[in-house]
Amino acid sequence: MTVLNRLTSAGPKRILSLDGGGVRGIITLGYLQRIEDILRQRYGNNSEFRLCHYFDLIGGTSTGSIIATCLSLGMSVQEIHKLYFDLSSKIFGKKQSLYRRFTGAKFSPASLEKALKDQLGDLTIGSNAVKTGLCIVTKRVDTGSTWPLLNHPKGKYFNQNKGILLRKAIRASTAAPTYFSPERIEVGNGEDAIFIDGGVSMYNNPALLMFLISTLEEFKFNWSTGADNLLLASIGTGSGLSRKAISKVSKNRVWDWGKQIPNLLMRDAAIQSHLLLQYLSNSPTRSAIDSEIGDMRGDLLGGSAHLNYLRYDVNFETNELNSLGFTDVQVDKIFEMSDPKNIDILQKIGKKSAESKMNNDHFPKGFDISFHNGIPQLR
């Protein structure tokens, strides 16, 4: 089945959304491994099962774009684990000189670019090797607009974007300011554009964007809403860690604010996305927005659910790590998104959290697919 046939076929649809977060993306892989295990067991422990068989649209921002792309190409979560460990040590293992860091970026993109080329070669967004709907979220900085790069063959900009190399799109989505230099891409009609990390937008958590893409008319997906029609699974890379000592923030200088403000805005955007999706759904994984709103258990916009929404994440700001058995973790250190030394502990946290929060019932039977001669069949 072609991507176009899959995206335009009748029946319930399934979306997977993956947050940005640097090396903390290994937490995402813990949840994805759990999802893959649950679904593979449901389909008779079929060794050929991949998450791209189940999810009709997979989207990600920054580190989430790497994972989303690999999944869309048919890689298993275990295969991505191996790639991720290798990538993290190569990308963040060595900082650039002080001069280069001061005038440009903390890390050289060369290792990332080589690793992506080795893995993806010259595959493009429009390649037939992509087995499902794919969205790579990036930010076009010369116009200030957020770009969801999509592979829907009927999309408005597909003809211009279909030839963009997947490795270039990922490089753009992961070009976090001060960490990596921007990426220049030819976007059709002889026009070049400059891109930075998609996380520098409302969509470091791209879940709400995935919902809009799947339902707004101009994106051409036009999928039906409703709890029985649309399943959206959103996976984070760890959240929280916002509380700071009053004595410290009251003495902030200009450069302190310059460093903190982007994170404050990104945090608000992620919370707002989660709030709106809980407001639109009867979510079995609902969590408290804040101490006043709570988990919105009694709130449902319009009185009926517009989708089936799942959100999985680790909260670093509460006693959650202690409850998972991690009692001696230095939270401020493992929250740093560019330290490959944290990979092992983050992997363990992601695995434990997935075991604690996720169960079979979260993926309703009404969204099941079937297999025939090892080939996934859409309902």
Protein backbone atom coordinates (compact mmCIF):
# COMPACT_ATOMS: atom_id res chain seq x y z
CA MET A 1 0.00 0.00 0.00
CA THR A 2 1.35 3.42 -0.96
CA VAL A 3 1.59 6.24 1.57
CA LEU A 4 -1.17 8.08 -0.32
CA ASN A 5 -3.51 5.08 -0.13
CA ARG A 6 -2.77 4.70 3.56
CA LEU A 7 -3.34 8.35 4.40
CA THR A 8 -6.60 8.59 2.43
CA SER A 9 -8.11 5.19 3.30
CA ALA A 10 -11.24 4.91 5.43
CA GLY A 11 -11.25 3.81 9.06
CA PRO A 12 -9.73 4.90 12.36
CA LYS A 13 -6.32 6.60 12.33
CA ARG A 14 -3.38 6.51 14.71
CA ILE A 15 -0.85 9.31 15.33
CA LEU A 16 2.48 9.22 17.19
CA SER A 17 4.03 12.51 18.38
CA LEU A 18 7.58 12.79 19.76
CA ASP A 19 9.00 15.74 21.73
CA GLY A 20 12.39 17.35 21.41
CA GLY A 21 14.95 17.14 24.21
CA GLY A 22 18.46 16.21 23.05
CA VAL A 23 19.94 13.12 24.69
CA ARG A 24 16.80 12.87 26.82
CA GLY A 25 15.20 11.34 23.73
CA ILE A 26 16.39 8.04 25.18
CA ILE A 27 13.44 8.40 27.61
CA THR A 28 11.13 8.47 24.58
CA LEU A 29 12.63 5.20 23.38
CA GLY A 30 11.74 3.57 26.71
CA TYR A 31 8.07 4.35 26.11
CA LEU A 32 8.26 3.34 22.46
CA GLN A 33 9.78 -0.01 23.38
CA ARG A 34 6.87 -0.63 25.73
CA ILE A 35 4.34 0.30 23.03
CA GLU A 36 6.08 -1.94 20.51
CA ASP A 37 6.10 -4.85 22.98
CA ILE A 38 2.40 -4.42 23.81
CA LEU A 39 1.34 -4.28 20.19
CA ARG A 40 3.67 -7.01 18.94
CA GLN A 41 2.27 -9.35 21.58
CA ARG A 42 -1.25 -8.40 20.47
CA TYR A 43 -0.35 -9.42 16.92
CA GLY A 44 0.89 -12.88 17.85
CA ASN A 45 4.49 -11.87 18.60
CA ASN A 46 5.03 -11.25 14.90
CA SER A 47 8.76 -10.53 14.59
CA GLU A 48 8.11 -8.39 11.51
CA PHE A 49 5.87 -5.96 13.40
CA ARG A 50 7.06 -2.34 13.49
CA LEU A 51 5.43 0.80 14.87
CA CYS A 52 5.18 2.17 11.32
CA HIS A 53 2.64 -0.60 10.68
CA TYR A 54 0.38 0.70 13.44
CA PHE A 55 0.76 4.49 13.30
CA ASP A 56 -0.50 6.28 10.19
CA LEU A 57 1.30 9.54 10.99
CA ILE A 58 4.54 9.85 12.98
CA GLY A 59 5.87 13.31 13.77
CA GLY A 60 8.71 14.70 15.82
CA THR A 61 10.62 17.82 16.74
CA SER A 62 14.41 18.00 17.10
CA THR A 63 15.58 14.71 18.63
CA GLY A 64 12.02 13.48 18.12
CA SER A 65 12.46 14.02 14.37
CA ILE A 66 15.38 11.57 14.32
CA ILE A 67 13.31 8.89 16.04
CA ALA A 68 10.19 9.62 13.98
CA THR A 69 12.10 9.30 10.72
CA CYS A 70 13.74 6.04 11.73
CA LEU A 71 10.38 4.60 12.77
CA SER A 72 8.76 5.70 9.50
CA LEU A 73 11.46 3.84 7.57
CA GLY A 74 10.59 0.59 9.34
CA MET A 75 13.27 0.42 12.03
CA SER A 76 12.50 -1.38 15.27
CA VAL A 77 12.87 0.47 18.55
CA GLN A 78 15.82 -1.75 19.48
CA GLU A 79 17.60 -0.74 16.27
CA ILE A 80 17.02 2.93 17.06
CA HIS A 81 18.37 2.37 20.60
CA LYS A 82 21.70 1.27 19.15
CA LEU A 83 21.78 4.20 16.74
CA TYR A 84 20.90 6.64 19.52
CA PHE A 85 23.70 5.56 21.84
CA ASP A 86 26.17 5.93 18.98
CA LEU A 87 24.80 9.30 17.86
CA SER A 88 24.76 10.85 21.33
CA SER A 89 28.40 10.12 22.07
CA LYS A 90 29.52 11.38 18.66
CA ILE A 91 27.35 14.50 18.52
CA PHE A 92 27.78 15.74 22.09
CA GLY A 93 31.08 14.08 22.96
CA LYS A 94 33.33 17.01 22.11
CA LYS A 95 32.64 20.74 22.35
CA GLN A 96 34.07 23.24 19.90
CA SER A 97 36.78 25.71 20.90
CA LEU A 98 35.82 28.63 23.14
CA TYR A 99 36.12 30.99 20.19
CA ARG A 100 33.77 28.93 18.02
CA ARG A 101 31.32 28.57 20.90
CA PHE A 102 31.35 32.31 21.52
CA THR A 103 30.90 33.22 17.84
CA GLY A 104 28.59 30.41 16.79
CA ALA A 105 27.67 27.07 18.31
CA LYS A 106 28.73 24.79 21.16
CA PHE A 107 29.02 21.66 19.00
CA SER A 108 30.12 20.96 15.46
CA PRO A 109 27.36 19.51 13.25
CA ALA A 110 29.88 17.39 11.31
CA SER A 111 29.42 14.22 13.38
CA LEU A 112 25.65 14.48 13.23
CA GLU A 113 25.69 15.09 9.49
CA LYS A 114 27.98 12.11 8.87
CA ALA A 115 25.93 9.79 11.09
CA LEU A 116 22.70 10.84 9.37
CA LYS A 117 24.22 10.35 5.93
CA ASP A 118 25.52 6.91 6.90
CA GLN A 119 22.06 5.92 8.14
CA LEU A 120 19.78 7.65 5.64
CA GLY A 121 21.93 8.13 2.55
CA ASP A 122 20.12 10.27 -0.01
CA LEU A 123 16.55 9.31 0.93
CA THR A 124 14.14 12.22 0.55
CA ILE A 125 10.90 13.26 2.21
CA GLY A 126 9.00 11.93 -0.80
CA SER A 127 10.86 8.62 -0.91
CA ASN A 128 8.92 5.37 -1.27
CA ALA A 129 11.11 4.01 1.54
CA VAL A 130 9.01 6.03 4.00
CA LYS A 131 6.28 3.60 4.96
CA THR A 132 3.82 5.89 6.72
CA GLY A 133 2.90 9.55 7.18
CA LEU A 134 5.87 11.57 8.41
CA CYS A 135 6.16 15.08 9.85
CA ILE A 136 9.49 16.74 10.69
CA VAL A 137 8.99 19.99 12.59
CA THR A 138 11.48 22.79 12.03
CA LYS A 139 11.62 26.58 12.22
CA ARG A 140 12.37 28.77 9.21
CA VAL A 141 14.25 31.56 10.90
CA ASP A 142 14.52 33.97 7.95
CA THR A 143 10.71 34.29 7.89
CA GLY A 144 9.97 33.34 11.51
CA SER A 145 7.50 30.62 10.49
CA THR A 146 7.20 27.07 11.83
CA TRP A 147 7.47 24.47 9.06
CA PRO A 148 5.99 20.99 9.41
CA LEU A 149 7.71 19.12 6.58
CA LEU A 150 5.19 16.48 5.44
CA ASN A 151 5.17 13.58 3.01
CA HIS A 152 1.46 13.69 2.10
CA PRO A 153 1.49 13.47 -1.71
CA LYS A 154 -1.51 15.79 -1.96
CA GLY A 155 -0.10 18.37 0.43
CA LYS A 156 0.09 21.97 -0.76
CA TYR A 157 3.89 22.10 -0.70
CA PHE A 158 4.69 18.43 -1.37
CA ASN A 159 6.08 19.04 -4.86
CA GLN A 160 8.49 21.67 -3.50
CA ASN A 161 9.49 19.64 -0.44
CA LYS A 162 9.49 16.04 -1.66
CA GLY A 163 13.10 16.29 -2.85
CA ILE A 164 14.47 17.56 0.47
CA LEU A 165 16.90 15.01 1.88
CA LEU A 166 15.66 13.45 5.11
CA ARG A 167 19.08 14.02 6.65
CA LYS A 168 18.88 17.72 5.79
CA ALA A 169 15.37 18.01 7.24
CA ILE A 170 16.49 16.34 10.48
CA ARG A 171 19.61 18.49 10.62
CA ALA A 172 17.32 21.54 10.37
CA SER A 173 14.94 20.27 13.05
CA THR A 174 17.82 19.61 15.46
CA ALA A 175 19.70 22.90 14.91
CA ALA A 176 19.14 24.22 18.42
CA PRO A 177 20.53 27.80 18.69
CA THR A 178 23.85 27.96 20.59
CA TYR A 179 24.15 24.16 20.28
CA PHE A 180 24.35 23.84 16.47
CA SER A 181 24.60 26.23 13.55
CA PRO A 182 21.48 26.78 11.39
CA GLU A 183 20.83 24.63 8.31
CA ARG A 184 20.41 26.03 4.81
CA ILE A 185 17.99 24.16 2.52
CA GLU A 186 16.81 24.74 -1.03
CA VAL A 187 13.01 24.73 -0.71
CA GLY A 188 11.92 24.80 -4.34
CA ASN A 189 11.75 27.30 -7.18
CA GLY A 190 15.41 28.13 -6.62
CA GLU A 191 14.73 29.58 -3.17
CA ASP A 192 16.97 28.92 -0.17
CA ALA A 193 15.84 29.11 3.46
CA ILE A 194 17.58 29.02 6.84
CA PHE A 195 16.22 26.67 9.51
CA ILE A 196 16.74 26.15 13.23
CA ASP A 197 15.41 23.68 15.78
CA GLY A 198 11.63 23.22 15.62
CA GLY A 199 11.63 23.41 19.41
CA VAL A 200 12.08 27.18 19.16
CA SER A 201 8.36 27.45 18.46
CA MET A 202 5.05 26.40 19.99
CA TYR A 203 5.81 22.82 19.02
CA ASN A 204 8.77 21.35 20.87
CA ASN A 205 5.91 19.12 21.98
CA PRO A 206 4.30 18.71 18.53
CA ALA A 207 1.19 16.81 19.65
CA LEU A 208 -1.29 19.65 19.11
CA LEU A 209 0.29 20.36 15.71
CA MET A 210 -0.15 16.68 14.79
CA PHE A 211 -3.84 16.92 15.67
CA LEU A 212 -4.23 20.07 13.56
CA ILE A 213 -2.37 18.54 10.61
CA SER A 214 -4.56 15.47 10.67
CA THR A 215 -7.86 17.36 10.80
CA LEU A 216 -7.52 20.82 9.20
CA GLU A 217 -8.73 20.82 5.60
CA GLU A 218 -5.71 22.45 3.94
CA PHE A 219 -3.26 19.80 5.16
CA LYS A 220 -5.23 17.26 3.07
CA PHE A 221 -5.32 14.48 5.67
CA ASN A 222 -8.91 15.36 6.64
CA TRP A 223 -9.21 12.56 9.18
CA SER A 224 -12.43 12.26 11.15
CA THR A 225 -12.45 13.33 14.78
CA GLY A 226 -13.99 11.34 17.63
CA ALA A 227 -12.74 8.96 20.30
CA ASP A 228 -13.32 5.98 18.00
CA ASN A 229 -11.76 7.62 14.95
CA LEU A 230 -8.52 9.25 16.07
CA LEU A 231 -5.82 8.02 18.47
CA LEU A 232 -2.95 10.35 19.37
CA ALA A 233 -0.06 9.07 21.46
CA SER A 234 2.33 11.82 22.62
CA ILE A 235 5.67 11.05 24.25
CA GLY A 236 7.93 13.43 26.14
CA THR A 237 11.60 13.57 27.09
CA GLY A 238 11.15 14.60 30.72
CA SER A 239 9.52 17.73 32.10
CA GLY A 240 9.46 19.89 35.21
CA LEU A 241 12.49 21.39 36.91
CA SER A 242 11.11 24.93 36.77
CA ARG A 243 11.29 25.97 40.43
CA LYS A 244 14.24 28.21 41.27
CA ALA A 245 15.36 29.95 44.43
CA ILE A 246 13.89 33.45 44.83
CA SER A 247 17.26 34.74 45.96
CA LYS A 248 18.78 33.58 42.68
CA VAL A 249 16.20 34.75 40.10
CA SER A 250 15.77 38.13 41.80
CA LYS A 251 19.38 38.87 40.88
CA ASN A 252 19.11 37.84 37.23
CA ARG A 253 21.16 39.90 34.82
CA VAL A 254 20.44 40.53 31.14
CA TRP A 255 22.31 37.40 30.00
CA ASP A 256 20.56 35.29 32.67
CA TRP A 257 17.17 36.35 31.29
CA GLY A 258 18.37 35.72 27.75
CA LYS A 259 19.16 32.14 28.71
CA GLN A 260 16.01 31.47 30.73
CA ILE A 261 13.24 33.12 28.68
CA PRO A 262 13.26 30.63 25.75
CA ASN A 263 12.88 27.73 28.18
CA LEU A 264 10.06 29.49 30.03
CA LEU A 265 8.15 30.05 26.78
CA MET A 266 8.76 26.49 25.57
CA ARG A 267 7.47 25.14 28.88
CA ASP A 268 4.30 27.25 28.62
CA ALA A 269 3.75 26.07 25.05
CA ALA A 270 4.07 22.41 26.06
CA ILE A 271 1.65 22.84 28.97
CA GLN A 272 -0.86 24.67 26.75
CA SER A 273 -0.71 21.90 24.15
CA HIS A 274 -1.33 19.27 26.81
CA LEU A 275 -4.17 21.32 28.34
CA LEU A 276 -5.98 21.71 25.01
CA LEU A 277 -5.65 18.04 24.09
CA GLN A 278 -6.98 16.96 27.49
CA TYR A 279 -9.84 19.44 27.01
CA LEU A 280 -10.67 17.74 23.71
CA SER A 281 -10.52 14.15 24.96
CA ASN A 282 -11.39 11.60 27.60
CA SER A 283 -7.75 10.78 28.21
CA PRO A 284 -6.89 7.72 30.34
CA THR A 285 -3.46 9.24 31.02
CA ARG A 286 -4.61 12.71 32.08
CA SER A 287 -2.35 14.58 34.48
CA ALA A 288 -2.57 17.80 36.48
CA ILE A 289 -1.95 21.00 34.54
CA ASP A 290 -1.36 23.01 37.70
CA SER A 291 -2.62 23.18 41.29
CA GLU A 292 -5.70 25.22 40.29
CA ILE A 293 -6.95 23.44 37.14
CA GLY A 294 -5.94 19.96 38.23
CA ASP A 295 -6.24 17.13 35.69
CA MET A 296 -9.44 18.54 34.09
CA ARG A 297 -11.30 15.30 34.72
CA GLY A 298 -14.66 17.09 34.57
CA ASP A 299 -13.86 19.20 31.50
CA LEU A 300 -14.65 18.15 27.93
CA LEU A 301 -15.02 20.74 25.18
CA GLY A 302 -18.40 20.41 23.49
CA GLY A 303 -19.45 17.49 25.69
CA SER A 304 -17.95 14.75 23.50
CA ALA A 305 -14.42 13.58 22.86
CA HIS A 306 -12.72 14.72 19.65
CA LEU A 307 -9.94 12.15 19.92
CA ASN A 308 -8.42 9.42 22.06
CA TYR A 309 -5.37 11.11 23.63
CA LEU A 310 -2.43 9.49 25.42
CA ARG A 311 0.44 11.43 26.99
CA TYR A 312 3.51 9.78 28.51
CA ASP A 313 6.30 11.72 30.21
CA VAL A 314 8.53 11.74 33.28
CA ASN A 315 8.11 14.63 35.70
CA PHE A 316 11.46 15.59 37.21
CA GLU A 317 9.92 18.13 39.56
CA THR A 318 7.99 15.83 41.90
CA ASN A 319 8.68 12.67 43.88
CA GLU A 320 8.11 10.62 40.73
CA LEU A 321 11.76 9.58 40.38
CA ASN A 322 11.76 8.36 43.97
CA SER A 323 8.60 6.34 43.34
CA LEU A 324 10.33 4.69 40.38
CA GLY A 325 13.28 3.72 42.57
CA PHE A 326 15.71 6.48 41.61
CA THR A 327 16.47 8.03 44.97
CA ASP A 328 19.99 9.35 44.44
CA VAL A 329 19.64 11.10 41.08
CA GLN A 330 20.86 14.69 40.67
CA VAL A 331 17.94 16.07 38.72
CA ASP A 332 19.64 19.24 37.48
CA LYS A 333 22.39 17.14 35.90
CA ILE A 334 20.23 14.56 34.13
CA PHE A 335 17.93 17.31 32.82
CA GLU A 336 20.81 18.72 30.74
CA MET A 337 20.01 17.77 27.14
CA SER A 338 23.57 17.62 25.78
CA ASP A 339 25.45 15.36 28.21
CA PRO A 340 25.91 11.82 26.81
CA LYS A 341 27.04 10.63 30.25
CA ASN A 342 23.38 10.67 31.27
CA ILE A 343 22.27 8.16 28.64
CA ASP A 344 22.42 5.07 30.86
CA ILE A 345 20.40 6.52 33.75
CA LEU A 346 17.90 8.19 31.39
CA GLN A 347 17.36 4.89 29.62
CA LYS A 348 16.58 3.19 32.93
CA ILE A 349 14.20 6.00 33.94
CA GLY A 350 12.34 5.78 30.61
CA LYS A 351 11.96 2.02 30.88
CA LYS A 352 10.71 2.11 34.48
CA SER A 353 8.31 4.95 33.78
CA ALA A 354 6.86 3.15 30.76
CA GLU A 355 6.29 0.00 32.82
CA SER A 356 4.58 2.08 35.51
CA LYS A 357 2.34 4.26 33.33
CA MET A 358 1.44 2.26 30.24
CA ASN A 359 -0.89 -0.71 29.83
CA ASN A 360 -2.66 -2.64 27.08
CA ASP A 361 -6.01 -0.91 27.61
CA HIS A 362 -4.53 2.41 26.51
CA PHE A 363 -4.59 1.15 22.92
CA PRO A 364 -8.25 0.26 22.22
CA LYS A 365 -9.07 -2.79 20.13
CA GLY A 366 -11.02 -0.55 17.76
CA PHE A 367 -7.71 0.83 16.49
CA ASP A 368 -6.15 -2.58 15.86
CA ILE A 369 -4.65 -3.57 12.54
CA SER A 370 -4.42 -7.11 11.17
CA PHE A 371 -1.69 -9.05 9.38
CA HIS A 372 -1.97 -11.26 6.30
CA ASN A 373 1.11 -13.20 5.21
CA GLY A 374 3.25 -10.92 7.33
CA ILE A 375 1.83 -7.76 5.75
CA PRO A 376 -0.12 -5.24 7.88
CA GLN A 377 -3.70 -4.75 6.72
CA LEU A 378 -5.55 -1.52 7.48
CA ARG A 379 -9.01 -1.79 8.96
